[in-house]
Amino acid sequence: MRILIYGLNYQPELTGIGKYTGEMCSWLASHGHDVRVVTAPPYYPAWKVREDYRNAYRIQRAKGKATVYRCPLYVPAKPTGLKRMAHLASFMLSSLPVLLWQVFWKPDVVFTVEPTFFCAPVALLVAATTGAASWLHVQDFEVDAAFDLGLLPAQGPIHDLALALEEPIIKAFSRVSSISTKMVERAHAKGVDSSRTILFPNWVNVDEITPQPIGVPNSFRKELGLEGKFILLYSGNMGAKQGLEILAPLAEDFGPGGPDEDPRVHFVFCGDGAYRAQLESLVAHLPNVTLLPLQPYLRLNDLLNAADVHLLPQRAGAADLVMPSKLTGMLSSGRPVIATAEPDTQVGHIIGGTSDEDACGIIVPADDDSVLHAAVRKLVSDEPLRRSLGENARRYAVEHLGREQVLERFQRDLGELV
């Protein structure tokens, strides 16, 4: 098949949507498909275009791989709501001539990724012009998230216009997919017929992200001088949707002089993003916190296995607007997860399970610090429970999130659509 991919984020970005779109395209190209990608230069999660990529048009071609067209964009140093809109619109405008040029290539399917929804009308135009099938893949419901999380005003002309435009556009695609069942249900609520929706979850390479036995030497623990410590790890994007404001008071309570003081407990926060500078200032005085920059993929397995428990904070109301991509690696590493989510959300279903027998961790309300702190105390003190939850997490990853099985199913769905 000739597959045209249109999206804002792409490899070599190490986290989030860019990682998954890049792996998907590489997999499709390696399975004999002709893949072209129209995307931006790598800038996420640092919100700065990488120095080795000029913020200008460029084409990357390599035998047996996807052909990648890079289009420049505006990247704000401090992304506020309106600056984010300008950022997204700048990519849509710069990529417009490049995408229209692909009409002469005559793709079989035009596949676009939300965010950014700004790209959706252009993708539909190219598909209609060429007679190609159109596919919208929703990684984040960015329109809902922008208003529900307070990035844009929840009332007013911008809100009304966005919702008025979203429904007819999303309903015009041949296929609409998303990464969780709850997010697929949200697409139904926006008017997309169930016959045109598909679950297309994010995945993990379960052969590369594997549990290391507890007690086995770990490179991060050794380098950081944390051997013998109980490590709670947050690793991923440090942005507005993550709810990272809960981390500093949590670490403070378990640090010297705190009500839950425990010299064994240490927190490691790893990543980059718009909230990182603020998080650094909040924990600068805490000796039981280590901050790390974003780590290369080759070290990801060691990083995830340095944890005794993974932390997955989210802001209230975000759980079914976005599905944290970092969760796949957490589960595959075979460590329990403490997540801020409601039980009836997709994150709640995965972490909490249908019963104690298949739970992968503990879910707590996003706005209740006391319950969060109690969950940490419980897992710090209960080693058999940690082991059981970690085994469930690994089993869930292997059974539901393996990269080969997810992408093979996606390839079949693409073929049926074309």
Foldseek 3Di string as FASTA:
>chain_A
DEEEEEEAAAPPPDFDPNVQVPVLQLVVLLVPYAYEYEYAADQPFQLGHDPVDDQDWDWDDDPSGYIYTHFHFDGDNFDALVNVVRRQVRSLVRCLVVLLVCLVVLGQEYEYEPVVPSNLVSSLVSCVSRVHAYEYEYQFLVLCCCDVLVSDPVDDDVNVVVLVPPLVSLQSHQAYEYAFPLLQVVNVVSPHDPVRYDHQHAFDALVLQAADDPPDDFPVCVVVVLPQAAEEEEEGRDDSFQLCVLVLVLLVLCAPPHVNPDVRYAYEYEEHHNCVVVVCVSCVPGPRYHYYYHDDPNCLNSVLNVHQEYEGEGAPPRQNRHPGSVLLSNLSNLWAYEYADDCPGRVNCAQVPPDLQQHLYHYHHNPDSVVVSVRVVVSVVDVVSRNRSSVSSNVCNVVPRHPVVSSVVVVVVSVVSD
